[in-house]
């Protein structure tokens, strides 16, 4: 039996939905329970037939991280196996902030990191969701695996995002499942 530990970082601007997404991934309803907000690290463990996986989920503090010194920034990014880049569907300009996060990730983590672009707050969109051309351009620029539309309020695609990330990390590290 094998044991694995992976560091996942959640990147994005203020109010992108990072804390709520992590809460949902941990099985909480962030709209019914006050679980955590802005806490640095949450841990999720689960068993699979071939072993145990432990995920260290780091919430990127958007209000202070870009203004901090290089040492603090480095500690957030180093040893990351996966990165979720979040933007708010109700404010598609929030995608612009992700370029800074990706530049820092590349600066501090020279190895391949699995990346997913996460569109949050789908429950707040009344009509059909349309993604701007800029979102697709940013997805290509960030070299993410995919764009996943989510809602932490309803739970839409939360499990899909987490499972896709874990699977991509295992595949990237040539771990047979």
N, C-alpha and C. Protein backbone atom coordinates (compact mmCIF):
# COMPACT_ATOMS: atom_id res chain seq x y z
N UNK A 1 0.84 -1.18 0.00
CA UNK A 1 0.00 0.00 0.00
C UNK A 1 0.89 1.24 0.00
N UNK A 2 0.52 2.22 -0.83
CA UNK A 2 1.33 3.42 -0.97
C UNK A 2 0.62 4.63 -0.36
N UNK A 3 1.40 5.57 0.16
CA UNK A 3 0.86 6.80 0.71
C UNK A 3 1.40 7.98 -0.10
N UNK A 4 0.52 8.91 -0.40
CA UNK A 4 0.90 10.08 -1.19
C UNK A 4 0.42 11.34 -0.48
N UNK A 5 1.21 12.41 -0.62
CA UNK A 5 0.82 13.71 -0.10
C UNK A 5 1.06 14.74 -1.20
N UNK A 6 0.03 15.52 -1.50
CA UNK A 6 0.12 16.52 -2.54
C UNK A 6 -0.32 17.88 -2.01
N UNK A 7 0.41 18.90 -2.40
CA UNK A 7 0.07 20.27 -2.02
C UNK A 7 -0.72 20.90 -3.17
N UNK A 8 -1.91 21.39 -2.84
CA UNK A 8 -2.75 22.08 -3.81
C UNK A 8 -2.85 23.54 -3.38
N UNK A 9 -2.65 24.45 -4.33
CA UNK A 9 -2.80 25.86 -4.01
C UNK A 9 -4.00 26.43 -4.77
N UNK A 10 -4.67 27.36 -4.12
CA UNK A 10 -5.87 27.99 -4.68
C UNK A 10 -5.53 29.46 -4.91
N UNK A 11 -5.48 29.85 -6.17
CA UNK A 11 -5.00 31.17 -6.57
C UNK A 11 -6.14 31.99 -7.14
N UNK A 12 -6.14 33.28 -6.83
CA UNK A 12 -7.15 34.17 -7.39
C UNK A 12 -7.29 35.41 -6.54
N UNK A 13 -8.03 36.37 -7.07
CA UNK A 13 -8.21 37.64 -6.39
C UNK A 13 -9.20 37.55 -5.23
N UNK A 14 -9.41 38.71 -4.61
CA UNK A 14 -10.39 38.80 -3.54
C UNK A 14 -11.76 38.41 -4.06
N UNK A 15 -12.50 37.69 -3.26
CA UNK A 15 -13.87 37.29 -3.57
C UNK A 15 -13.99 36.38 -4.79
N UNK A 16 -12.90 35.69 -5.13
CA UNK A 16 -12.96 34.73 -6.24
C UNK A 16 -13.64 33.43 -5.81
N UNK A 17 -13.73 33.20 -4.52
CA UNK A 17 -14.41 32.01 -4.02
C UNK A 17 -13.48 30.90 -3.57
N UNK A 18 -12.23 31.24 -3.26
CA UNK A 18 -11.24 30.22 -2.88
C UNK A 18 -11.63 29.48 -1.60
N UNK A 19 -11.96 30.22 -0.55
CA UNK A 19 -12.30 29.60 0.74
C UNK A 19 -13.56 28.75 0.62
N UNK A 20 -14.54 29.22 -0.12
CA UNK A 20 -15.79 28.47 -0.29
C UNK A 20 -15.55 27.19 -1.07
N UNK A 21 -14.71 27.25 -2.09
CA UNK A 21 -14.40 26.05 -2.88
C UNK A 21 -13.70 25.01 -2.01
N UNK A 22 -12.73 25.44 -1.22
CA UNK A 22 -12.03 24.51 -0.33
C UNK A 22 -13.02 23.90 0.66
N UNK A 23 -13.88 24.72 1.24
CA UNK A 23 -14.87 24.21 2.20
C UNK A 23 -15.73 23.13 1.56
N UNK A 24 -16.19 23.35 0.34
CA UNK A 24 -17.00 22.35 -0.36
C UNK A 24 -16.20 21.08 -0.62
N UNK A 25 -14.95 21.24 -1.00
CA UNK A 25 -14.10 20.07 -1.25
C UNK A 25 -13.88 19.25 0.02
N UNK A 26 -13.98 19.91 1.17
CA UNK A 26 -13.84 19.22 2.46
C UNK A 26 -15.17 18.66 2.96
N UNK A 27 -16.24 18.90 2.20
CA UNK A 27 -17.54 18.36 2.57
C UNK A 27 -18.42 19.28 3.39
N UNK A 28 -18.04 20.54 3.52
CA UNK A 28 -18.85 21.50 4.25
C UNK A 28 -19.69 22.32 3.29
N UNK A 29 -20.78 22.87 3.79
CA UNK A 29 -21.56 23.84 3.03
C UNK A 29 -21.18 25.21 3.58
N UNK A 30 -20.37 25.96 2.84
CA UNK A 30 -19.89 27.24 3.38
C UNK A 30 -20.99 28.28 3.55
N UNK A 31 -22.20 28.00 3.02
CA UNK A 31 -23.29 28.95 3.14
C UNK A 31 -24.22 28.62 4.32
N UNK A 32 -24.01 27.45 4.91
CA UNK A 32 -24.80 27.07 6.08
C UNK A 32 -23.96 27.01 7.34
N UNK A 33 -22.66 26.79 7.18
CA UNK A 33 -21.77 26.65 8.33
C UNK A 33 -20.61 27.63 8.18
N UNK A 34 -20.21 28.21 9.29
CA UNK A 34 -18.98 29.00 9.25
C UNK A 34 -17.84 28.02 9.51
N UNK A 35 -17.09 27.71 8.49
CA UNK A 35 -16.03 26.72 8.67
C UNK A 35 -14.68 27.37 8.81
N UNK A 36 -14.30 28.12 7.87
CA UNK A 36 -13.02 28.83 7.91
C UNK A 36 -13.03 29.84 6.79
N UNK A 37 -12.23 30.84 6.93
CA UNK A 37 -12.07 31.79 5.84
C UNK A 37 -10.69 32.39 5.97
N UNK A 38 -9.92 32.24 4.93
CA UNK A 38 -8.59 32.80 4.93
C UNK A 38 -7.58 32.01 5.74
N UNK A 39 -7.99 30.87 6.30
CA UNK A 39 -7.02 30.06 7.01
C UNK A 39 -6.06 29.47 5.98
N UNK A 40 -4.85 29.32 6.36
CA UNK A 40 -3.80 28.98 5.42
C UNK A 40 -3.95 27.60 4.81
N UNK A 41 -4.13 26.57 5.63
CA UNK A 41 -4.08 25.21 5.10
C UNK A 41 -5.18 24.34 5.68
N UNK A 42 -5.82 23.58 4.82
CA UNK A 42 -6.80 22.58 5.22
C UNK A 42 -6.31 21.24 4.68
N UNK A 43 -6.64 20.17 5.36
CA UNK A 43 -6.15 18.85 4.98
C UNK A 43 -7.32 17.92 4.70
N UNK A 44 -7.23 17.20 3.61
CA UNK A 44 -8.23 16.20 3.25
C UNK A 44 -7.49 14.90 2.95
N UNK A 45 -7.92 13.82 3.57
CA UNK A 45 -7.32 12.51 3.33
C UNK A 45 -8.40 11.55 2.87
N UNK A 46 -8.03 10.67 1.97
CA UNK A 46 -8.96 9.62 1.57
C UNK A 46 -8.19 8.40 1.11
N UNK A 47 -8.88 7.26 1.21
CA UNK A 47 -8.26 5.99 0.85
C UNK A 47 -8.74 5.55 -0.52
N UNK A 48 -7.82 4.97 -1.25
CA UNK A 48 -8.09 4.36 -2.54
C UNK A 48 -7.59 2.93 -2.47
N UNK A 49 -7.99 2.08 -3.40
CA UNK A 49 -7.54 0.68 -3.34
C UNK A 49 -6.02 0.50 -3.29
N UNK A 50 -5.30 1.44 -3.86
CA UNK A 50 -3.84 1.30 -3.91
C UNK A 50 -3.12 2.06 -2.81
N UNK A 51 -3.84 2.82 -2.00
CA UNK A 51 -3.16 3.55 -0.94
C UNK A 51 -3.94 4.73 -0.41
N UNK A 52 -3.25 5.54 0.35
CA UNK A 52 -3.83 6.71 1.01
C UNK A 52 -3.33 7.97 0.31
N UNK A 53 -4.23 8.93 0.09
CA UNK A 53 -3.85 10.22 -0.47
C UNK A 53 -4.20 11.29 0.54
N UNK A 54 -3.25 12.17 0.77
CA UNK A 54 -3.45 13.30 1.69
C UNK A 54 -3.23 14.57 0.89
N UNK A 55 -4.23 15.44 0.90
CA UNK A 55 -4.16 16.70 0.16
C UNK A 55 -4.00 17.86 1.14
N UNK A 56 -2.99 18.66 0.92
CA UNK A 56 -2.79 19.88 1.70
C UNK A 56 -3.29 21.03 0.83
N UNK A 57 -4.38 21.66 1.25
CA UNK A 57 -5.03 22.70 0.45
C UNK A 57 -4.70 24.06 1.03
N UNK A 58 -3.99 24.88 0.25
CA UNK A 58 -3.55 26.19 0.69
C UNK A 58 -4.37 27.28 0.00
N UNK A 59 -5.02 28.10 0.81
CA UNK A 59 -5.84 29.20 0.35
C UNK A 59 -4.95 30.43 0.15
N UNK A 60 -4.83 30.89 -1.08
CA UNK A 60 -3.98 32.04 -1.37
C UNK A 60 -4.59 33.33 -0.86
N UNK A 61 -3.96 33.98 0.10
CA UNK A 61 -4.50 35.22 0.65
C UNK A 61 -4.32 36.39 -0.32
N UNK A 62 -5.31 36.60 -1.18
CA UNK A 62 -5.20 37.58 -2.27
C UNK A 62 -4.99 39.00 -1.78
N UNK A 63 -5.47 39.31 -0.60
CA UNK A 63 -5.36 40.68 -0.11
C UNK A 63 -3.97 41.03 0.39
N UNK A 64 -3.13 40.01 0.70
CA UNK A 64 -1.79 40.34 1.20
C UNK A 64 -0.65 39.70 0.41
N UNK A 65 -0.88 38.55 -0.21
CA UNK A 65 0.23 37.83 -0.83
C UNK A 65 0.98 38.67 -1.87
N UNK A 66 0.29 39.36 -2.79
CA UNK A 66 1.06 40.15 -3.77
C UNK A 66 1.89 41.26 -3.16
N UNK A 67 1.55 41.67 -1.94
CA UNK A 67 2.26 42.78 -1.29
C UNK A 67 3.34 42.31 -0.33
N UNK A 68 3.45 41.00 -0.13
CA UNK A 68 4.41 40.49 0.85
C UNK A 68 5.80 40.33 0.24
N UNK A 69 6.74 40.03 1.11
CA UNK A 69 8.10 39.85 0.64
C UNK A 69 8.24 38.51 -0.10
N UNK A 70 9.34 38.37 -0.77
CA UNK A 70 9.59 37.20 -1.61
C UNK A 70 9.61 35.90 -0.82
N UNK A 71 10.10 35.94 0.41
CA UNK A 71 10.18 34.73 1.23
C UNK A 71 8.78 34.16 1.50
N UNK A 72 7.84 35.01 1.85
CA UNK A 72 6.47 34.56 2.12
C UNK A 72 5.82 34.04 0.84
N UNK A 73 6.02 34.75 -0.26
CA UNK A 73 5.47 34.29 -1.54
C UNK A 73 6.03 32.91 -1.90
N UNK A 74 7.33 32.76 -1.76
CA UNK A 74 7.99 31.50 -2.10
C UNK A 74 7.41 30.35 -1.30
N UNK A 75 7.19 30.57 0.01
CA UNK A 75 6.65 29.51 0.87
C UNK A 75 5.26 29.08 0.44
N UNK A 76 4.46 30.01 -0.08
CA UNK A 76 3.14 29.63 -0.55
C UNK A 76 3.23 28.72 -1.77
N UNK A 77 4.10 29.03 -2.70
CA UNK A 77 4.13 28.32 -3.99
C UNK A 77 4.97 27.04 -4.01
N UNK A 78 6.07 27.00 -3.24
CA UNK A 78 6.99 25.87 -3.37
C UNK A 78 6.31 24.53 -3.07
N UNK A 79 6.82 23.52 -3.72
CA UNK A 79 6.37 22.13 -3.55
C UNK A 79 4.91 21.90 -3.92
N UNK A 80 4.35 22.76 -4.77
CA UNK A 80 2.97 22.57 -5.20
C UNK A 80 2.90 21.48 -6.25
N UNK A 81 1.92 20.60 -6.09
CA UNK A 81 1.64 19.57 -7.10
C UNK A 81 0.54 20.01 -8.03
N UNK A 82 -0.35 20.86 -7.53
CA UNK A 82 -1.48 21.31 -8.33
C UNK A 82 -1.90 22.72 -7.95
N UNK A 83 -2.44 23.44 -8.94
CA UNK A 83 -2.90 24.81 -8.71
C UNK A 83 -4.28 24.99 -9.34
N UNK A 84 -5.20 25.49 -8.54
CA UNK A 84 -6.50 25.91 -9.05
C UNK A 84 -6.44 27.42 -9.21
N UNK A 85 -6.72 27.90 -10.41
CA UNK A 85 -6.78 29.34 -10.70
C UNK A 85 -8.25 29.72 -10.78
N UNK A 86 -8.73 30.50 -9.80
CA UNK A 86 -10.14 30.82 -9.71
C UNK A 86 -10.45 32.23 -10.18
N UNK A 87 -11.57 32.37 -10.88
CA UNK A 87 -12.10 33.68 -11.21
C UNK A 87 -13.61 33.65 -11.06
N UNK A 88 -14.18 34.80 -10.84
CA UNK A 88 -15.60 34.98 -10.56
C UNK A 88 -16.36 35.18 -11.88
N UNK A 89 -17.33 34.32 -12.17
CA UNK A 89 -18.12 34.45 -13.40
C UNK A 89 -18.91 35.74 -13.45
N UNK A 90 -19.25 36.30 -12.28
CA UNK A 90 -20.02 37.55 -12.27
C UNK A 90 -19.11 38.76 -12.48
N UNK A 91 -17.81 38.53 -12.49
CA UNK A 91 -16.82 39.58 -12.72
C UNK A 91 -15.69 38.98 -13.55
N UNK A 92 -15.96 38.79 -14.83
CA UNK A 92 -15.00 38.07 -15.67
C UNK A 92 -13.67 38.81 -15.83
N UNK A 93 -13.62 40.10 -15.46
CA UNK A 93 -12.34 40.82 -15.48
C UNK A 93 -11.40 40.30 -14.39
N UNK A 94 -11.95 39.59 -13.42
CA UNK A 94 -11.11 39.04 -12.34
C UNK A 94 -10.10 38.03 -12.88
N UNK A 95 -10.29 37.60 -14.10
CA UNK A 95 -9.35 36.66 -14.74
C UNK A 95 -7.97 37.29 -14.89
N UNK A 96 -7.93 38.61 -15.03
CA UNK A 96 -6.66 39.30 -15.25
C UNK A 96 -5.68 39.09 -14.09
N UNK A 97 -6.19 38.95 -12.87
CA UNK A 97 -5.33 38.78 -11.70
C UNK A 97 -4.57 37.46 -11.72
N UNK A 98 -5.05 36.51 -12.50
CA UNK A 98 -4.44 35.18 -12.50
C UNK A 98 -3.06 35.15 -13.15
N UNK A 99 -2.77 36.12 -13.99
CA UNK A 99 -1.46 36.18 -14.65
C UNK A 99 -0.37 36.32 -13.59
N UNK A 100 -0.56 37.20 -12.61
CA UNK A 100 0.43 37.38 -11.53
C UNK A 100 0.66 36.07 -10.79
N UNK A 101 -0.44 35.36 -10.45
CA UNK A 101 -0.34 34.11 -9.71
C UNK A 101 0.46 33.08 -10.51
N UNK A 102 0.20 33.01 -11.80
CA UNK A 102 0.90 32.04 -12.64
C UNK A 102 2.39 32.38 -12.78
N UNK A 103 2.70 33.66 -12.93
CA UNK A 103 4.12 34.06 -13.03
C UNK A 103 4.88 33.66 -11.77
N UNK A 104 4.26 33.88 -10.61
CA UNK A 104 4.92 33.51 -9.35
C UNK A 104 5.05 31.99 -9.23
N UNK A 105 4.04 31.27 -9.64
CA UNK A 105 4.11 29.81 -9.60
C UNK A 105 5.28 29.32 -10.44
N UNK A 106 5.41 29.84 -11.64
CA UNK A 106 6.51 29.44 -12.52
C UNK A 106 7.86 29.85 -11.95
N UNK A 107 7.90 30.98 -11.26
CA UNK A 107 9.15 31.45 -10.66
C UNK A 107 9.62 30.53 -9.54
N UNK A 108 8.70 30.06 -8.71
CA UNK A 108 9.07 29.31 -7.53
C UNK A 108 8.98 27.79 -7.67
N UNK A 109 8.29 27.32 -8.69
CA UNK A 109 8.14 25.87 -8.88
C UNK A 109 8.57 25.53 -10.30
N UNK A 110 9.81 25.09 -10.48
CA UNK A 110 10.31 24.83 -11.83
C UNK A 110 9.75 23.56 -12.46
N UNK A 111 9.19 22.66 -11.65
CA UNK A 111 8.66 21.40 -12.19
C UNK A 111 7.23 21.61 -12.68
N UNK A 112 6.74 20.63 -13.42
CA UNK A 112 5.38 20.71 -13.96
C UNK A 112 4.37 20.62 -12.82
N UNK A 113 3.48 21.58 -12.79
CA UNK A 113 2.39 21.62 -11.83
C UNK A 113 1.09 21.48 -12.60
N UNK A 114 0.21 20.62 -12.14
CA UNK A 114 -1.09 20.48 -12.79
C UNK A 114 -1.92 21.72 -12.48
N UNK A 115 -2.57 22.28 -13.49
CA UNK A 115 -3.32 23.53 -13.32
C UNK A 115 -4.71 23.41 -13.94
N UNK A 116 -5.69 23.93 -13.21
CA UNK A 116 -7.06 24.00 -13.71
C UNK A 116 -7.57 25.42 -13.51
N UNK A 117 -8.30 25.90 -14.50
CA UNK A 117 -8.96 27.20 -14.43
C UNK A 117 -10.38 26.94 -13.92
N UNK A 118 -10.74 27.57 -12.81
CA UNK A 118 -12.02 27.35 -12.17
C UNK A 118 -12.87 28.62 -12.24
N UNK A 119 -14.00 28.52 -12.92
CA UNK A 119 -14.97 29.62 -12.98
C UNK A 119 -15.94 29.41 -11.82
N UNK A 120 -16.01 30.36 -10.91
CA UNK A 120 -16.83 30.21 -9.72
C UNK A 120 -18.14 31.00 -9.82
N UNK A 121 -19.04 30.71 -8.90
CA UNK A 121 -20.30 31.43 -8.71
C UNK A 121 -21.27 31.26 -9.88
N UNK A 122 -21.30 30.06 -10.46
CA UNK A 122 -22.22 29.77 -11.57
C UNK A 122 -23.67 29.94 -11.15
N UNK A 123 -23.95 29.74 -9.86
CA UNK A 123 -25.33 29.88 -9.37
C UNK A 123 -25.85 31.30 -9.47
N UNK A 124 -24.96 32.28 -9.62
CA UNK A 124 -25.38 33.68 -9.70
C UNK A 124 -25.67 34.13 -11.14
N UNK A 125 -25.44 33.27 -12.09
CA UNK A 125 -25.70 33.59 -13.49
C UNK A 125 -27.11 33.13 -13.83
N UNK A 126 -27.97 34.06 -14.24
CA UNK A 126 -29.37 33.73 -14.48
C UNK A 126 -29.59 33.05 -15.83
N UNK A 127 -28.89 33.47 -16.83
CA UNK A 127 -29.08 32.91 -18.17
C UNK A 127 -27.95 31.93 -18.48
N UNK A 128 -27.85 31.55 -19.71
CA UNK A 128 -26.78 30.65 -20.14
C UNK A 128 -25.42 31.29 -19.87
N UNK A 129 -24.50 30.48 -19.39
CA UNK A 129 -23.16 30.99 -19.08
C UNK A 129 -22.36 31.10 -20.38
N UNK A 130 -21.85 32.28 -20.63
CA UNK A 130 -20.97 32.48 -21.78
C UNK A 130 -19.62 32.97 -21.28
N UNK A 131 -18.59 32.39 -21.80
CA UNK A 131 -17.24 32.77 -21.41
C UNK A 131 -16.65 33.67 -22.49
N UNK A 132 -16.00 34.74 -22.04
CA UNK A 132 -15.43 35.69 -22.99
C UNK A 132 -14.20 35.11 -23.68
N UNK A 133 -13.87 35.71 -24.79
CA UNK A 133 -12.67 35.31 -25.54
C UNK A 133 -11.43 35.43 -24.64
N UNK A 134 -11.40 36.45 -23.78
CA UNK A 134 -10.26 36.66 -22.88
C UNK A 134 -10.07 35.49 -21.94
N UNK A 135 -11.15 34.86 -21.51
CA UNK A 135 -11.03 33.71 -20.62
C UNK A 135 -10.35 32.56 -21.33
N UNK A 136 -10.71 32.31 -22.58
CA UNK A 136 -10.06 31.24 -23.33
C UNK A 136 -8.59 31.57 -23.62
N UNK A 137 -8.30 32.84 -23.87
CA UNK A 137 -6.91 33.26 -24.07
C UNK A 137 -6.10 33.06 -22.79
N UNK A 138 -6.67 33.42 -21.65
CA UNK A 138 -5.98 33.25 -20.37
C UNK A 138 -5.78 31.77 -20.07
N UNK A 139 -6.77 30.96 -20.36
CA UNK A 139 -6.64 29.52 -20.16
C UNK A 139 -5.44 28.99 -20.94
N UNK A 140 -5.29 29.44 -22.17
CA UNK A 140 -4.16 29.01 -22.99
C UNK A 140 -2.84 29.55 -22.42
N UNK A 141 -2.84 30.81 -22.01
CA UNK A 141 -1.64 31.45 -21.46
C UNK A 141 -1.19 30.76 -20.16
N UNK A 142 -2.15 30.39 -19.32
CA UNK A 142 -1.82 29.73 -18.06
C UNK A 142 -1.43 28.27 -18.26
N UNK A 143 -1.72 27.74 -19.44
CA UNK A 143 -1.47 26.34 -19.78
C UNK A 143 -2.18 25.42 -18.80
N UNK A 144 -3.46 25.72 -18.56
CA UNK A 144 -4.25 24.88 -17.67
C UNK A 144 -4.81 23.69 -18.44
N UNK A 145 -5.19 22.67 -17.68
CA UNK A 145 -5.74 21.46 -18.29
C UNK A 145 -7.13 21.67 -18.83
N UNK A 146 -7.91 22.53 -18.18
CA UNK A 146 -9.29 22.66 -18.55
C UNK A 146 -9.92 23.84 -17.83
N UNK A 147 -11.09 24.24 -18.28
CA UNK A 147 -11.91 25.22 -17.56
C UNK A 147 -13.07 24.45 -16.95
N UNK A 148 -13.25 24.59 -15.64
CA UNK A 148 -14.35 23.92 -14.97
C UNK A 148 -15.24 24.98 -14.34
N UNK A 149 -16.52 24.96 -14.68
CA UNK A 149 -17.50 25.90 -14.15
C UNK A 149 -18.07 25.30 -12.86
N UNK A 150 -18.01 26.07 -11.77
CA UNK A 150 -18.41 25.56 -10.46
C UNK A 150 -19.35 26.50 -9.74
N UNK A 151 -19.97 25.96 -8.70
CA UNK A 151 -20.72 26.75 -7.73
C UNK A 151 -20.49 26.13 -6.37
N UNK A 152 -19.90 26.88 -5.47
CA UNK A 152 -19.73 26.38 -4.10
C UNK A 152 -21.06 26.37 -3.37
N UNK A 153 -21.98 27.20 -3.79
CA UNK A 153 -23.30 27.25 -3.14
C UNK A 153 -24.10 25.99 -3.43
N UNK A 154 -24.11 25.55 -4.69
CA UNK A 154 -24.90 24.37 -5.06
C UNK A 154 -24.07 23.09 -5.09
N UNK A 155 -22.75 23.23 -5.10
CA UNK A 155 -21.87 22.06 -5.20
C UNK A 155 -21.56 21.65 -6.63
N UNK A 156 -22.01 22.43 -7.60
CA UNK A 156 -21.81 22.12 -9.01
C UNK A 156 -20.34 21.90 -9.35
N UNK A 157 -20.02 20.72 -9.83
CA UNK A 157 -18.70 20.35 -10.34
C UNK A 157 -17.55 20.43 -9.33
N UNK A 158 -17.85 20.51 -8.05
CA UNK A 158 -16.80 20.58 -7.03
C UNK A 158 -16.02 19.26 -7.00
N UNK A 159 -16.75 18.14 -6.91
CA UNK A 159 -16.08 16.83 -6.90
C UNK A 159 -15.33 16.59 -8.21
N UNK A 160 -15.92 17.02 -9.31
CA UNK A 160 -15.26 16.87 -10.62
C UNK A 160 -13.91 17.58 -10.61
N UNK A 161 -13.87 18.81 -10.12
CA UNK A 161 -12.63 19.58 -10.10
C UNK A 161 -11.57 18.90 -9.24
N UNK A 162 -11.95 18.44 -8.05
CA UNK A 162 -10.99 17.80 -7.15
C UNK A 162 -10.51 16.47 -7.73
N UNK A 163 -11.44 15.66 -8.22
CA UNK A 163 -11.06 14.36 -8.80
C UNK A 163 -10.18 14.53 -10.03
N UNK A 164 -10.50 15.50 -10.88
CA UNK A 164 -9.68 15.74 -12.07
C UNK A 164 -8.27 16.16 -11.69
N UNK A 165 -8.17 16.99 -10.65
CA UNK A 165 -6.84 17.43 -10.20
C UNK A 165 -6.03 16.26 -9.68
N UNK A 166 -6.62 15.46 -8.80
CA UNK A 166 -5.89 14.33 -8.21
C UNK A 166 -5.47 13.35 -9.32
N UNK A 167 -6.38 13.05 -10.22
CA UNK A 167 -6.06 12.14 -11.33
C UNK A 167 -4.91 12.70 -12.17
N UNK A 168 -4.95 13.99 -12.48
CA UNK A 168 -3.90 14.61 -13.29
C UNK A 168 -2.54 14.57 -12.59
N UNK A 169 -2.54 14.80 -11.28
CA UNK A 169 -1.29 14.74 -10.51
C UNK A 169 -0.72 13.33 -10.54
N UNK A 170 -1.57 12.35 -10.28
CA UNK A 170 -1.11 10.96 -10.30
C UNK A 170 -0.56 10.59 -11.67
N UNK A 171 -1.24 10.99 -12.72
CA UNK A 171 -0.81 10.71 -14.09
C UNK A 171 0.52 11.42 -14.40
N UNK A 172 0.63 12.69 -13.99
CA UNK A 172 1.85 13.46 -14.21
C UNK A 172 3.06 12.84 -13.53
N UNK A 173 2.83 12.22 -12.38
CA UNK A 173 3.93 11.61 -11.62
C UNK A 173 4.07 10.12 -11.94
N UNK A 174 3.43 9.68 -13.01
CA UNK A 174 3.50 8.28 -13.48
C UNK A 174 3.12 7.28 -12.39
N UNK A 175 2.10 7.61 -11.62
CA UNK A 175 1.59 6.71 -10.60
C UNK A 175 0.42 5.96 -11.22
N UNK A 176 0.53 4.68 -11.30
CA UNK A 176 -0.52 3.84 -11.91
C UNK A 176 -1.64 3.61 -10.91
N UNK A 177 -2.86 3.85 -11.37
CA UNK A 177 -4.01 3.62 -10.49
C UNK A 177 -4.93 2.55 -11.07
